PDB file of N, CA and C in Angstrom:
ATOM      1  N   MET A   1       0.838  -1.181   0.000  1.00  0.00           N
ATOM      2  CA  MET A   1       0.000   0.000   0.000  1.00  0.00           C
ATOM      3  C   MET A   1       0.880   1.241   0.000  1.00  0.00           C
ATOM      4  N   LYS A   2       0.654   2.091  -0.950  1.00  0.00           N
ATOM      5  CA  LYS A   2       1.449   3.305  -1.105  1.00  0.00           C
ATOM      6  C   LYS A   2       0.823   4.443  -0.286  1.00  0.00           C
ATOM      7  N   ILE A   3       1.670   5.180   0.416  1.00  0.00           N
ATOM      8  CA  ILE A   3       1.187   6.339   1.164  1.00  0.00           C
ATOM      9  C   ILE A   3       0.944   7.466   0.174  1.00  0.00           C
ATOM     10  N   GLN A   4      -0.255   8.025   0.228  1.00  0.00           N
ATOM     11  CA  GLN A   4      -0.605   9.072  -0.715  1.00  0.00           C
ATOM     12  C   GLN A   4       0.100  10.373  -0.358  1.00  0.00           C
ATOM     13  N   ARG A   5       0.375  11.135  -1.388  1.00  0.00           N
ATOM     14  CA  ARG A   5       1.053  12.417  -1.219  1.00  0.00           C
ATOM     15  C   ARG A   5       0.223  13.372  -0.371  1.00  0.00           C
ATOM     16  N   SER A   6      -1.117  13.282  -0.496  1.00  0.00           N
ATOM     17  CA  SER A   6      -1.995  14.171   0.259  1.00  0.00           C
ATOM     18  C   SER A   6      -1.969  13.870   1.759  1.00  0.00           C
ATOM     19  N   THR A   7      -1.450  12.730   2.133  1.00  0.00           N
ATOM     20  CA  THR A   7      -1.308  12.381   3.541  1.00  0.00           C
ATOM     21  C   THR A   7       0.121  12.606   4.022  1.00  0.00           C
ATOM     22  N   LEU A   8       1.085  12.250   3.206  1.00  0.00           N
ATOM     23  CA  LEU A   8       2.481  12.322   3.604  1.00  0.00           C
ATOM     24  C   LEU A   8       2.966  13.754   3.817  1.00  0.00           C
ATOM     25  N   ILE A   9       2.709  14.629   2.867  1.00  0.00           N
ATOM     26  CA  ILE A   9       3.213  16.000   2.962  1.00  0.00           C
ATOM     27  C   ILE A   9       2.613  16.727   4.168  1.00  0.00           C
ATOM     28  N   PRO A  10       1.287  16.708   4.379  1.00  0.00           N
ATOM     29  CA  PRO A  10       0.765  17.360   5.583  1.00  0.00           C
ATOM     30  C   PRO A  10       1.285  16.734   6.882  1.00  0.00           C
ATOM     31  N   ALA A  11       1.495  15.430   6.891  1.00  0.00           N
ATOM     32  CA  ALA A  11       2.031  14.787   8.095  1.00  0.00           C
ATOM     33  C   ALA A  11       3.438  15.284   8.391  1.00  0.00           C
ATOM     34  N   LEU A  12       4.262  15.394   7.361  1.00  0.00           N
ATOM     35  CA  LEU A  12       5.617  15.920   7.559  1.00  0.00           C
ATOM     36  C   LEU A  12       5.579  17.377   8.021  1.00  0.00           C
ATOM     37  N   LEU A  13       4.659  18.145   7.470  1.00  0.00           N
ATOM     38  CA  LEU A  13       4.526  19.541   7.885  1.00  0.00           C
ATOM     39  C   LEU A  13       4.037  19.652   9.331  1.00  0.00           C
ATOM     40  N   LEU A  14       3.208  18.712   9.781  1.00  0.00           N
ATOM     41  CA  LEU A  14       2.777  18.712  11.182  1.00  0.00           C
ATOM     42  C   LEU A  14       3.935  18.406  12.122  1.00  0.00           C
ATOM     43  N   VAL A  15       4.798  17.486  11.721  1.00  0.00           N
ATOM     44  CA  VAL A  15       5.990  17.188  12.523  1.00  0.00           C
ATOM     45  C   VAL A  15       6.888  18.422  12.576  1.00  0.00           C
ATOM     46  N   TYR A  16       7.066  19.072  11.437  1.00  0.00           N
ATOM     47  CA  TYR A  16       7.868  20.301  11.370  1.00  0.00           C
ATOM     48  C   TYR A  16       7.261  21.385  12.264  1.00  0.00           C
ATOM     49  N   LEU A  17       5.933  21.518  12.240  1.00  0.00           N
ATOM     50  CA  LEU A  17       5.260  22.498  13.091  1.00  0.00           C
ATOM     51  C   LEU A  17       5.494  22.188  14.568  1.00  0.00           C
ATOM     52  N   GLY A  18       5.474  20.917  14.924  1.00  0.00           N
ATOM     53  CA  GLY A  18       5.755  20.529  16.309  1.00  0.00           C
ATOM     54  C   GLY A  18       7.141  20.935  16.746  1.00  0.00           C
ATOM     55  N   VAL A  19       8.113  20.707  15.887  1.00  0.00           N
ATOM     56  CA  VAL A  19       9.497  21.095  16.202  1.00  0.00           C
ATOM     57  C   VAL A  19       9.617  22.611  16.312  1.00  0.00           C
ATOM     58  N   MET A  20       9.001  23.321  15.377  1.00  0.00           N
ATOM     59  CA  MET A  20       9.077  24.783  15.411  1.00  0.00           C
ATOM     60  C   MET A  20       8.330  25.353  16.618  1.00  0.00           C
ATOM     61  N   SER A  21       7.255  24.703  17.038  1.00  0.00           N
ATOM     62  CA  SER A  21       6.541  25.142  18.240  1.00  0.00           C
ATOM     63  C   SER A  21       7.415  24.964  19.474  1.00  0.00           C
ATOM     64  N   TYR A  22       8.153  23.874  19.516  1.00  0.00           N
ATOM     65  CA  TYR A  22       9.067  23.640  20.633  1.00  0.00           C
ATOM     66  C   TYR A  22      10.181  24.684  20.651  1.00  0.00           C
ATOM     67  N   ILE A  23      10.717  24.984  19.485  1.00  0.00           N
ATOM     68  CA  ILE A  23      11.778  25.988  19.398  1.00  0.00           C
ATOM     69  C   ILE A  23      11.243  27.371  19.766  1.00  0.00           C
ATOM     70  N   GLY A  24       9.997  27.661  19.412  1.00  0.00           N
ATOM     71  CA  GLY A  24       9.411  28.963  19.697  1.00  0.00           C
ATOM     72  C   GLY A  24       8.781  29.078  21.068  1.00  0.00           C
ATOM     73  N   TYR A  25       8.898  28.041  21.902  1.00  0.00           N
ATOM     74  CA  TYR A  25       8.278  28.060  23.221  1.00  0.00           C
ATOM     75  C   TYR A  25       8.739  29.220  24.102  1.00  0.00           C
ATOM     76  N   PRO A  26       9.994  29.660  24.031  1.00  0.00           N
ATOM     77  CA  PRO A  26      10.379  30.836  24.826  1.00  0.00           C
ATOM     78  C   PRO A  26       9.526  32.074  24.506  1.00  0.00           C
ATOM     79  N   GLU A  27       9.035  32.167  23.288  1.00  0.00           N
ATOM     80  CA  GLU A  27       8.151  33.268  22.919  1.00  0.00           C
ATOM     81  C   GLU A  27       6.853  33.186  23.734  1.00  0.00           C
ATOM     82  N   PHE A  28       6.362  31.982  23.932  1.00  0.00           N
ATOM     83  CA  PHE A  28       5.171  31.755  24.753  1.00  0.00           C
ATOM     84  C   PHE A  28       5.438  32.120  26.209  1.00  0.00           C
ATOM     85  N   GLU A  29       6.597  31.733  26.710  1.00  0.00           N
ATOM     86  CA  GLU A  29       6.947  32.022  28.103  1.00  0.00           C
ATOM     87  C   GLU A  29       7.115  33.513  28.362  1.00  0.00           C
ATOM     88  N   GLN A  30       7.461  34.268  27.332  1.00  0.00           N
ATOM     89  CA  GLN A  30       7.620  35.710  27.491  1.00  0.00           C
ATOM     90  C   GLN A  30       6.269  36.423  27.515  1.00  0.00           C
ATOM     91  N   GLY A  31       5.185  35.700  27.269  1.00  0.00           N
ATOM     92  CA  GLY A  31       3.860  36.290  27.345  1.00  0.00           C
ATOM     93  C   GLY A  31       3.254  36.645  26.005  1.00  0.00           C
ATOM     94  N   ASN A  32       3.890  36.266  24.918  1.00  0.00           N
ATOM     95  CA  ASN A  32       3.362  36.541  23.578  1.00  0.00           C
ATOM     96  C   ASN A  32       2.427  35.414  23.151  1.00  0.00           C
ATOM     97  N   TYR A  33       1.317  35.275  23.888  1.00  0.00           N
ATOM     98  CA  TYR A  33       0.391  34.163  23.648  1.00  0.00           C
ATOM     99  C   TYR A  33      -0.285  34.268  22.295  1.00  0.00           C
ATOM    100  N   PHE A  34      -0.761  35.460  21.964  1.00  0.00           N
ATOM    101  CA  PHE A  34      -1.474  35.637  20.700  1.00  0.00           C
ATOM    102  C   PHE A  34      -0.554  35.338  19.518  1.00  0.00           C
ATOM    103  N   TYR A  35       0.672  35.795  19.576  1.00  0.00           N
ATOM    104  CA  TYR A  35       1.637  35.546  18.500  1.00  0.00           C
ATOM    105  C   TYR A  35       1.924  34.045  18.381  1.00  0.00           C
ATOM    106  N   TYR A  36       2.204  33.409  19.508  1.00  0.00           N
ATOM    107  CA  TYR A  36       2.570  31.994  19.511  1.00  0.00           C
ATOM    108  C   TYR A  36       1.428  31.129  18.960  1.00  0.00           C
ATOM    109  N   PHE A  37       0.231  31.298  19.530  1.00  0.00           N
ATOM    110  CA  PHE A  37      -0.894  30.476  19.097  1.00  0.00           C
ATOM    111  C   PHE A  37      -1.440  30.931  17.746  1.00  0.00           C
ATOM    112  N   GLY A  38      -1.257  32.191  17.412  1.00  0.00           N
ATOM    113  CA  GLY A  38      -1.681  32.681  16.106  1.00  0.00           C
ATOM    114  C   GLY A  38      -0.895  32.035  14.981  1.00  0.00           C
ATOM    115  N   VAL A  39       0.411  31.961  15.161  1.00  0.00           N
ATOM    116  CA  VAL A  39       1.263  31.328  14.150  1.00  0.00           C
ATOM    117  C   VAL A  39       0.914  29.848  14.021  1.00  0.00           C
ATOM    118  N   ILE A  40       0.716  29.175  15.142  1.00  0.00           N
ATOM    119  CA  ILE A  40       0.359  27.757  15.106  1.00  0.00           C
ATOM    120  C   ILE A  40      -0.995  27.573  14.424  1.00  0.00           C
ATOM    121  N   GLY A  41      -1.963  28.409  14.767  1.00  0.00           N
ATOM    122  CA  GLY A  41      -3.299  28.294  14.185  1.00  0.00           C
ATOM    123  C   GLY A  41      -3.310  28.525  12.687  1.00  0.00           C
ATOM    124  N   VAL A  42      -2.622  29.565  12.241  1.00  0.00           N
ATOM    125  CA  VAL A  42      -2.571  29.859  10.801  1.00  0.00           C
ATOM    126  C   VAL A  42      -1.868  28.726  10.062  1.00  0.00           C
ATOM    127  N   THR A  43      -0.810  28.204  10.652  1.00  0.00           N
ATOM    128  CA  THR A  43      -0.081  27.103  10.021  1.00  0.00           C
ATOM    129  C   THR A  43      -0.959  25.855   9.920  1.00  0.00           C
ATOM    130  N   LEU A  44      -1.699  25.540  10.974  1.00  0.00           N
ATOM    131  CA  LEU A  44      -2.608  24.392  10.925  1.00  0.00           C
ATOM    132  C   LEU A  44      -3.681  24.580   9.862  1.00  0.00           C
ATOM    133  N   LEU A  45      -4.198  25.791   9.751  1.00  0.00           N
ATOM    134  CA  LEU A  45      -5.195  26.077   8.723  1.00  0.00           C
ATOM    135  C   LEU A  45      -4.612  25.858   7.328  1.00  0.00           C
ATOM    136  N   LEU A  46      -3.403  26.344   7.101  1.00  0.00           N
ATOM    137  CA  LEU A  46      -2.763  26.175   5.793  1.00  0.00           C
ATOM    138  C   LEU A  46      -2.475  24.708   5.488  1.00  0.00           C
ATOM    139  N   ILE A  47      -2.076  23.952   6.496  1.00  0.00           N
ATOM    140  CA  ILE A  47      -1.826  22.527   6.292  1.00  0.00           C
ATOM    141  C   ILE A  47      -3.128  21.814   5.925  1.00  0.00           C
ATOM    142  N   ALA A  48      -4.227  22.173   6.577  1.00  0.00           N
ATOM    143  CA  ALA A  48      -5.529  21.561   6.266  1.00  0.00           C
ATOM    144  C   ALA A  48      -5.961  21.903   4.840  1.00  0.00           C
ATOM    145  N   VAL A  49      -5.792  23.151   4.436  1.00  0.00           N
ATOM    146  CA  VAL A  49      -6.155  23.560   3.073  1.00  0.00           C
ATOM    147  C   VAL A  49      -5.280  22.826   2.049  1.00  0.00           C
ATOM    148  N   LEU A  50      -3.990  22.714   2.341  1.00  0.00           N
ATOM    149  CA  LEU A  50      -3.087  21.978   1.454  1.00  0.00           C
ATOM    150  C   LEU A  50      -3.546  20.532   1.312  1.00  0.00           C
ATOM    151  N   HIS A  51      -3.927  19.906   2.420  1.00  0.00           N
ATOM    152  CA  HIS A  51      -4.398  18.522   2.373  1.00  0.00           C
ATOM    153  C   HIS A  51      -5.621  18.391   1.464  1.00  0.00           C
ATOM    154  N   LEU A  52      -6.564  19.326   1.603  1.00  0.00           N
ATOM    155  CA  LEU A  52      -7.762  19.272   0.774  1.00  0.00           C
ATOM    156  C   LEU A  52      -7.441  19.454  -0.703  1.00  0.00           C
ATOM    157  N   PHE A  53      -6.563  20.393  -1.034  1.00  0.00           N
ATOM    158  CA  PHE A  53      -6.194  20.598  -2.432  1.00  0.00           C
ATOM    159  C   PHE A  53      -5.459  19.389  -3.004  1.00  0.00           C
ATOM    160  N   LEU A  54      -4.572  18.783  -2.219  1.00  0.00           N
ATOM    161  CA  LEU A  54      -3.865  17.601  -2.706  1.00  0.00           C
ATOM    162  C   LEU A  54      -4.823  16.427  -2.899  1.00  0.00           C
ATOM    163  N   LYS A  55      -5.809  16.278  -1.992  1.00  0.00           N
ATOM    164  CA  LYS A  55      -6.808  15.226  -2.146  1.00  0.00           C
ATOM    165  C   LYS A  55      -7.599  15.417  -3.433  1.00  0.00           C
ATOM    166  N   LYS A  56      -8.013  16.655  -3.698  1.00  0.00           N
ATOM    167  CA  LYS A  56      -8.770  16.955  -4.911  1.00  0.00           C
ATOM    168  C   LYS A  56      -7.928  16.670  -6.143  1.00  0.00           C
ATOM    169  N   ARG A  57      -6.663  17.048  -6.098  1.00  0.00           N
ATOM    170  CA  ARG A  57      -5.762  16.820  -7.229  1.00  0.00           C
ATOM    171  C   ARG A  57      -5.605  15.327  -7.505  1.00  0.00           C
ATOM    172  N   GLU A  58      -5.456  14.539  -6.432  1.00  0.00           N
ATOM    173  CA  GLU A  58      -5.326  13.092  -6.611  1.00  0.00           C
ATOM    174  C   GLU A  58      -6.611  12.493  -7.191  1.00  0.00           C
ATOM    175  N   ARG A  59      -7.768  12.987  -6.729  1.00  0.00           N
ATOM    176  CA  ARG A  59      -9.040  12.482  -7.250  1.00  0.00           C
ATOM    177  C   ARG A  59      -9.185  12.792  -8.731  1.00  0.00           C
ATOM    178  N   ILE A  60      -8.830  14.008  -9.146  1.00  0.00           N
ATOM    179  CA  ILE A  60      -8.906  14.395 -10.555  1.00  0.00           C
ATOM    180  C   ILE A  60      -7.939  13.561 -11.383  1.00  0.00           C
ATOM    181  N   HIS A  61      -6.735  13.344 -10.858  1.00  0.00           N
ATOM    182  CA  HIS A  61      -5.736  12.533 -11.565  1.00  0.00           C
ATOM    183  C   HIS A  61      -6.237  11.098 -11.739  1.00  0.00           C
ATOM    184  N   ARG A  62      -6.835  10.551 -10.688  1.00  0.00           N
ATOM    185  CA  ARG A  62      -7.356   9.181 -10.754  1.00  0.00           C
ATOM    186  C   ARG A  62      -8.492   9.084 -11.773  1.00  0.00           C
ATOM    187  N   GLN A  63      -9.371  10.085 -11.815  1.00  0.00           N
ATOM    188  CA  GLN A  63     -10.467  10.079 -12.787  1.00  0.00           C
ATOM    189  C   GLN A  63      -9.942  10.160 -14.206  1.00  0.00           C
ATOM    190  N   ARG A  64      -8.928  10.974 -14.436  1.00  0.00           N
ATOM    191  CA  ARG A  64      -8.353  11.078 -15.779  1.00  0.00           C
ATOM    192  C   ARG A  64      -7.704   9.762 -16.198  1.00  0.00           C
ATOM    193  N   GLN A  65      -7.046   9.081 -15.259  1.00  0.00           N
ATOM    194  CA  GLN A  65      -6.423   7.802 -15.579  1.00  0.00           C
ATOM    195  C   GLN A  65      -7.498   6.761 -15.917  1.00  0.00           C
ATOM    196  N   GLU A  66      -8.614   6.786 -15.185  1.00  0.00           N
ATOM    197  CA  GLU A  66      -9.691   5.838 -15.464  1.00  0.00           C
ATOM    198  C   GLU A  66     -10.333   6.124 -16.814  1.00  0.00           C
ATOM    199  N   ASN A  67     -10.485   7.389 -17.177  1.00  0.00           N
ATOM    200  CA  ASN A  67     -11.095   7.756 -18.458  1.00  0.00           C
ATOM    201  C   ASN A  67     -10.202   7.357 -19.630  1.00  0.00           C
ATOM    202  N   ARG A  68      -8.900   7.430 -19.441  1.00  0.00           N
ATOM    203  CA  ARG A  68      -7.967   7.031 -20.506  1.00  0.00           C
ATOM    204  C   ARG A  68      -7.977   5.540 -20.707  1.00  0.00           C
ATOM    205  N   GLY A  69      -8.248   4.801 -19.642  1.00  0.00           N
ATOM    206  CA  GLY A  69      -8.243   3.334 -19.725  1.00  0.00           C
ATOM    207  C   GLY A  69      -9.455   2.785 -20.420  1.00  0.00           C
ATOM    208  N   ILE A  70     -10.506   3.564 -20.517  1.00  0.00           N
ATOM    209  CA  ILE A  70     -11.755   3.069 -21.115  1.00  0.00           C
ATOM    210  C   ILE A  70     -11.703   3.108 -22.622  1.00  0.00           C
TER     211      ILE A  70
END
């Protein structure tokens, strides 16, 4: 079973976000809560949108491959 690109790339970006959140934790400790959680929230939103676009792209690609086979 092959891992789909629409799953792999967002998963890697989530791991990257976790590492960057850990590195940016001193910003949270300094009291910049809105900045810290704002960056995390926007990044999560972008990762979700990327996942949806990649899923749609894979679905369109699969439909085109099926149409060519007929």
